[in-house]
Amino acid sequence: MAGGRVEGSEFLLEAADREMGEETGQSGARLEGAFEQRGFDFLNHGVLQHQTENFFAARTADPSVGTAGWTGLEEQVVTRWQW
């Protein structure tokens, strides 16, 4: 599941497409949604934060995953990927 945030003046769907490209290499997949949204509070290093997550479905004929857009942390901790 790709994740991230809206940057600058992006619309939600634009951000979802960008994050899909960065984290899976699947830029331009047909996105549907957001079909679900959840919000929750959590402690981040002792600071209370609120996060809202929006969920989309992505349709593509190419199930391959590219990792070129991954951060160093993602490269270290992601040990398996499955659609």
N, C-alpha and C. Protein backbone atom coordinates (compact mmCIF):
# COMPACT_ATOMS: atom_id res chain seq x y z
N MET A 1 0.85 -1.16 0.00
CA MET A 1 0.00 0.00 0.00
C MET A 1 0.90 1.23 0.00
N ALA A 2 0.75 2.04 -1.00
CA ALA A 2 1.51 3.29 -1.07
C ALA A 2 0.92 4.29 -0.07
N GLY A 3 1.74 5.13 0.46
CA GLY A 3 1.26 6.14 1.39
C GLY A 3 2.13 7.38 1.34
N GLY A 4 1.58 8.47 1.79
CA GLY A 4 2.32 9.72 1.80
C GLY A 4 1.42 10.86 2.16
N ARG A 5 1.71 12.02 1.60
CA ARG A 5 0.90 13.20 1.93
C ARG A 5 0.71 14.07 0.70
N VAL A 6 -0.27 14.94 0.79
CA VAL A 6 -0.51 15.94 -0.24
C VAL A 6 0.57 17.00 -0.09
N GLU A 7 1.21 17.35 -1.19
CA GLU A 7 2.27 18.35 -1.16
C GLU A 7 1.86 19.59 -1.94
N GLY A 8 2.17 20.76 -1.35
CA GLY A 8 1.91 22.03 -2.04
C GLY A 8 0.45 22.18 -2.41
N SER A 9 0.19 22.49 -3.67
CA SER A 9 -1.18 22.74 -4.13
C SER A 9 -1.79 21.51 -4.81
N GLU A 10 -1.23 20.32 -4.57
CA GLU A 10 -1.77 19.10 -5.17
C GLU A 10 -3.21 18.85 -4.73
N PHE A 11 -3.96 18.26 -5.62
CA PHE A 11 -5.26 17.72 -5.26
C PHE A 11 -5.03 16.32 -4.73
N LEU A 12 -5.98 15.79 -3.98
CA LEU A 12 -5.85 14.48 -3.35
C LEU A 12 -5.53 13.39 -4.38
N LEU A 13 -6.24 13.37 -5.50
CA LEU A 13 -6.01 12.35 -6.52
C LEU A 13 -4.61 12.48 -7.14
N GLU A 14 -4.13 13.71 -7.32
CA GLU A 14 -2.77 13.93 -7.84
C GLU A 14 -1.73 13.38 -6.87
N ALA A 15 -1.95 13.61 -5.59
CA ALA A 15 -1.02 13.12 -4.58
C ALA A 15 -1.02 11.59 -4.56
N ALA A 16 -2.19 10.99 -4.68
CA ALA A 16 -2.28 9.52 -4.70
C ALA A 16 -1.52 8.95 -5.90
N ASP A 17 -1.66 9.58 -7.06
CA ASP A 17 -0.95 9.11 -8.25
C ASP A 17 0.56 9.28 -8.09
N ARG A 18 1.00 10.40 -7.55
CA ARG A 18 2.43 10.63 -7.32
C ARG A 18 2.99 9.60 -6.36
N GLU A 19 2.29 9.36 -5.26
CA GLU A 19 2.76 8.39 -4.27
C GLU A 19 2.81 6.98 -4.86
N MET A 20 1.83 6.62 -5.67
CA MET A 20 1.86 5.32 -6.34
C MET A 20 3.11 5.20 -7.21
N GLY A 21 3.43 6.28 -7.95
CA GLY A 21 4.61 6.27 -8.79
C GLY A 21 5.89 6.14 -8.00
N GLU A 22 5.99 6.89 -6.89
CA GLU A 22 7.20 6.85 -6.07
C GLU A 22 7.41 5.49 -5.41
N GLU A 23 6.34 4.89 -4.94
CA GLU A 23 6.48 3.70 -4.12
C GLU A 23 6.30 2.39 -4.86
N THR A 24 5.73 2.44 -6.07
CA THR A 24 5.52 1.19 -6.81
C THR A 24 6.02 1.26 -8.25
N GLY A 25 6.32 2.46 -8.74
CA GLY A 25 6.67 2.63 -10.15
C GLY A 25 5.46 2.65 -11.06
N GLN A 26 4.27 2.62 -10.49
CA GLN A 26 3.02 2.54 -11.25
C GLN A 26 2.39 3.92 -11.43
N SER A 27 3.09 4.85 -12.02
CA SER A 27 2.53 6.16 -12.29
C SER A 27 1.54 6.07 -13.44
N GLY A 28 0.42 6.71 -13.29
CA GLY A 28 -0.58 6.71 -14.35
C GLY A 28 -1.57 5.57 -14.29
N ALA A 29 -1.53 4.75 -13.24
CA ALA A 29 -2.53 3.69 -13.08
C ALA A 29 -3.90 4.34 -12.91
N ARG A 30 -4.94 3.65 -13.27
CA ARG A 30 -6.29 4.20 -13.11
C ARG A 30 -6.69 4.10 -11.64
N LEU A 31 -6.79 5.25 -11.00
CA LEU A 31 -7.16 5.30 -9.58
C LEU A 31 -8.65 5.54 -9.44
N GLU A 32 -9.25 4.86 -8.49
CA GLU A 32 -10.67 5.04 -8.18
C GLU A 32 -10.79 5.38 -6.70
N GLY A 33 -11.61 6.36 -6.39
CA GLY A 33 -11.81 6.75 -5.00
C GLY A 33 -11.56 8.24 -4.84
N ALA A 34 -11.39 8.66 -3.69
CA ALA A 34 -11.18 7.91 -2.46
C ALA A 34 -12.51 7.27 -2.03
N PHE A 35 -12.43 5.98 -1.70
CA PHE A 35 -13.64 5.26 -1.33
C PHE A 35 -13.74 5.04 0.17
N GLU A 36 -12.71 5.37 0.90
CA GLU A 36 -12.73 5.24 2.36
C GLU A 36 -11.81 6.29 2.94
N GLN A 37 -12.16 6.77 4.13
CA GLN A 37 -11.32 7.73 4.84
C GLN A 37 -11.37 7.39 6.32
N ARG A 38 -10.22 7.44 6.96
CA ARG A 38 -10.21 7.25 8.41
C ARG A 38 -9.27 8.26 9.02
N GLY A 39 -9.61 8.69 10.20
CA GLY A 39 -8.77 9.63 10.93
C GLY A 39 -8.46 9.05 12.30
N PHE A 40 -7.29 9.36 12.79
CA PHE A 40 -6.91 8.87 14.11
C PHE A 40 -5.84 9.76 14.71
N ASP A 41 -5.74 9.71 16.03
CA ASP A 41 -4.73 10.45 16.77
C ASP A 41 -3.65 9.47 17.22
N PHE A 42 -2.41 9.95 17.28
CA PHE A 42 -1.30 9.11 17.74
C PHE A 42 -0.20 9.99 18.31
N LEU A 43 0.67 9.38 19.09
CA LEU A 43 1.82 10.09 19.65
C LEU A 43 3.02 9.87 18.75
N ASN A 44 3.63 10.96 18.33
CA ASN A 44 4.84 10.92 17.51
C ASN A 44 5.95 11.54 18.34
N HIS A 45 6.79 10.70 18.94
CA HIS A 45 7.86 11.16 19.82
C HIS A 45 7.30 12.06 20.93
N GLY A 46 6.18 11.64 21.50
CA GLY A 46 5.58 12.35 22.62
C GLY A 46 4.67 13.50 22.23
N VAL A 47 4.54 13.80 20.95
CA VAL A 47 3.68 14.89 20.48
C VAL A 47 2.42 14.30 19.86
N LEU A 48 1.26 14.72 20.37
CA LEU A 48 -0.01 14.23 19.84
C LEU A 48 -0.24 14.79 18.44
N GLN A 49 -0.52 13.90 17.50
CA GLN A 49 -0.79 14.31 16.12
C GLN A 49 -2.07 13.65 15.63
N HIS A 50 -2.69 14.28 14.64
CA HIS A 50 -3.86 13.71 14.00
C HIS A 50 -3.51 13.40 12.55
N GLN A 51 -3.94 12.26 12.08
CA GLN A 51 -3.68 11.88 10.69
C GLN A 51 -4.99 11.43 10.05
N THR A 52 -5.17 11.83 8.79
CA THR A 52 -6.31 11.37 8.00
C THR A 52 -5.77 10.58 6.83
N GLU A 53 -6.30 9.36 6.65
CA GLU A 53 -5.90 8.51 5.54
C GLU A 53 -7.05 8.37 4.56
N ASN A 54 -6.74 8.48 3.28
CA ASN A 54 -7.72 8.29 2.21
C ASN A 54 -7.30 7.08 1.40
N PHE A 55 -8.26 6.22 1.07
CA PHE A 55 -7.96 4.97 0.39
C PHE A 55 -8.52 4.98 -1.03
N PHE A 56 -7.67 4.57 -1.97
CA PHE A 56 -8.00 4.50 -3.38
C PHE A 56 -7.77 3.07 -3.86
N ALA A 57 -8.42 2.70 -4.93
CA ALA A 57 -8.11 1.46 -5.64
C ALA A 57 -7.37 1.84 -6.91
N ALA A 58 -6.37 1.04 -7.26
CA ALA A 58 -5.59 1.28 -8.48
C ALA A 58 -5.77 0.10 -9.42
N ARG A 59 -6.06 0.40 -10.67
CA ARG A 59 -6.21 -0.65 -11.68
C ARG A 59 -5.11 -0.48 -12.72
N THR A 60 -4.40 -1.59 -12.98
CA THR A 60 -3.32 -1.58 -13.94
C THR A 60 -3.17 -2.97 -14.55
N ALA A 61 -2.71 -3.03 -15.78
CA ALA A 61 -2.45 -4.31 -16.43
C ALA A 61 -1.04 -4.81 -16.13
N ASP A 62 -0.21 -3.96 -15.55
CA ASP A 62 1.18 -4.29 -15.27
C ASP A 62 1.38 -4.44 -13.76
N PRO A 63 1.50 -5.65 -13.24
CA PRO A 63 1.61 -5.84 -11.79
C PRO A 63 3.03 -5.67 -11.25
N SER A 64 4.00 -5.29 -12.09
CA SER A 64 5.38 -5.17 -11.61
C SER A 64 5.51 -3.98 -10.65
N VAL A 65 6.50 -4.08 -9.78
CA VAL A 65 6.76 -3.03 -8.79
C VAL A 65 8.18 -2.53 -8.98
N GLY A 66 8.32 -1.22 -9.11
CA GLY A 66 9.64 -0.60 -9.20
C GLY A 66 9.98 0.05 -7.88
N THR A 67 11.22 -0.03 -7.47
CA THR A 67 11.63 0.51 -6.17
C THR A 67 12.52 1.75 -6.29
N ALA A 68 12.65 2.31 -7.48
CA ALA A 68 13.55 3.45 -7.70
C ALA A 68 13.16 4.66 -6.85
N GLY A 69 11.88 4.82 -6.52
CA GLY A 69 11.44 5.97 -5.74
C GLY A 69 11.44 5.75 -4.24
N TRP A 70 11.92 4.60 -3.78
CA TRP A 70 11.91 4.30 -2.35
C TRP A 70 12.94 5.12 -1.60
N THR A 71 12.63 5.43 -0.36
CA THR A 71 13.59 6.08 0.53
C THR A 71 14.55 5.03 1.07
N GLY A 72 15.63 5.47 1.68
CA GLY A 72 16.57 4.54 2.30
C GLY A 72 15.90 3.69 3.36
N LEU A 73 15.01 4.29 4.14
CA LEU A 73 14.30 3.55 5.18
C LEU A 73 13.41 2.47 4.56
N GLU A 74 12.70 2.81 3.49
CA GLU A 74 11.85 1.82 2.84
C GLU A 74 12.68 0.65 2.31
N GLU A 75 13.83 0.95 1.75
CA GLU A 75 14.71 -0.11 1.25
C GLU A 75 15.16 -1.04 2.37
N GLN A 76 15.36 -0.49 3.57
CA GLN A 76 15.80 -1.30 4.70
C GLN A 76 14.69 -2.16 5.29
N VAL A 77 13.49 -1.62 5.38
CA VAL A 77 12.45 -2.32 6.15
C VAL A 77 11.46 -3.13 5.33
N VAL A 78 11.31 -2.83 4.04
CA VAL A 78 10.36 -3.61 3.23
C VAL A 78 11.07 -4.88 2.78
N THR A 79 10.59 -5.99 3.27
CA THR A 79 11.22 -7.27 2.95
C THR A 79 10.42 -8.09 1.93
N ARG A 80 9.17 -7.68 1.69
CA ARG A 80 8.32 -8.43 0.78
C ARG A 80 7.22 -7.50 0.26
N TRP A 81 6.83 -7.74 -0.98
CA TRP A 81 5.75 -6.94 -1.59
C TRP A 81 4.82 -7.90 -2.29
N GLN A 82 3.52 -7.70 -2.10
CA GLN A 82 2.55 -8.57 -2.74
C GLN A 82 1.30 -7.77 -3.06
N TRP A 83 0.77 -7.94 -4.27
CA TRP A 83 -0.49 -7.31 -4.63
C TRP A 83 -1.63 -8.10 -4.06
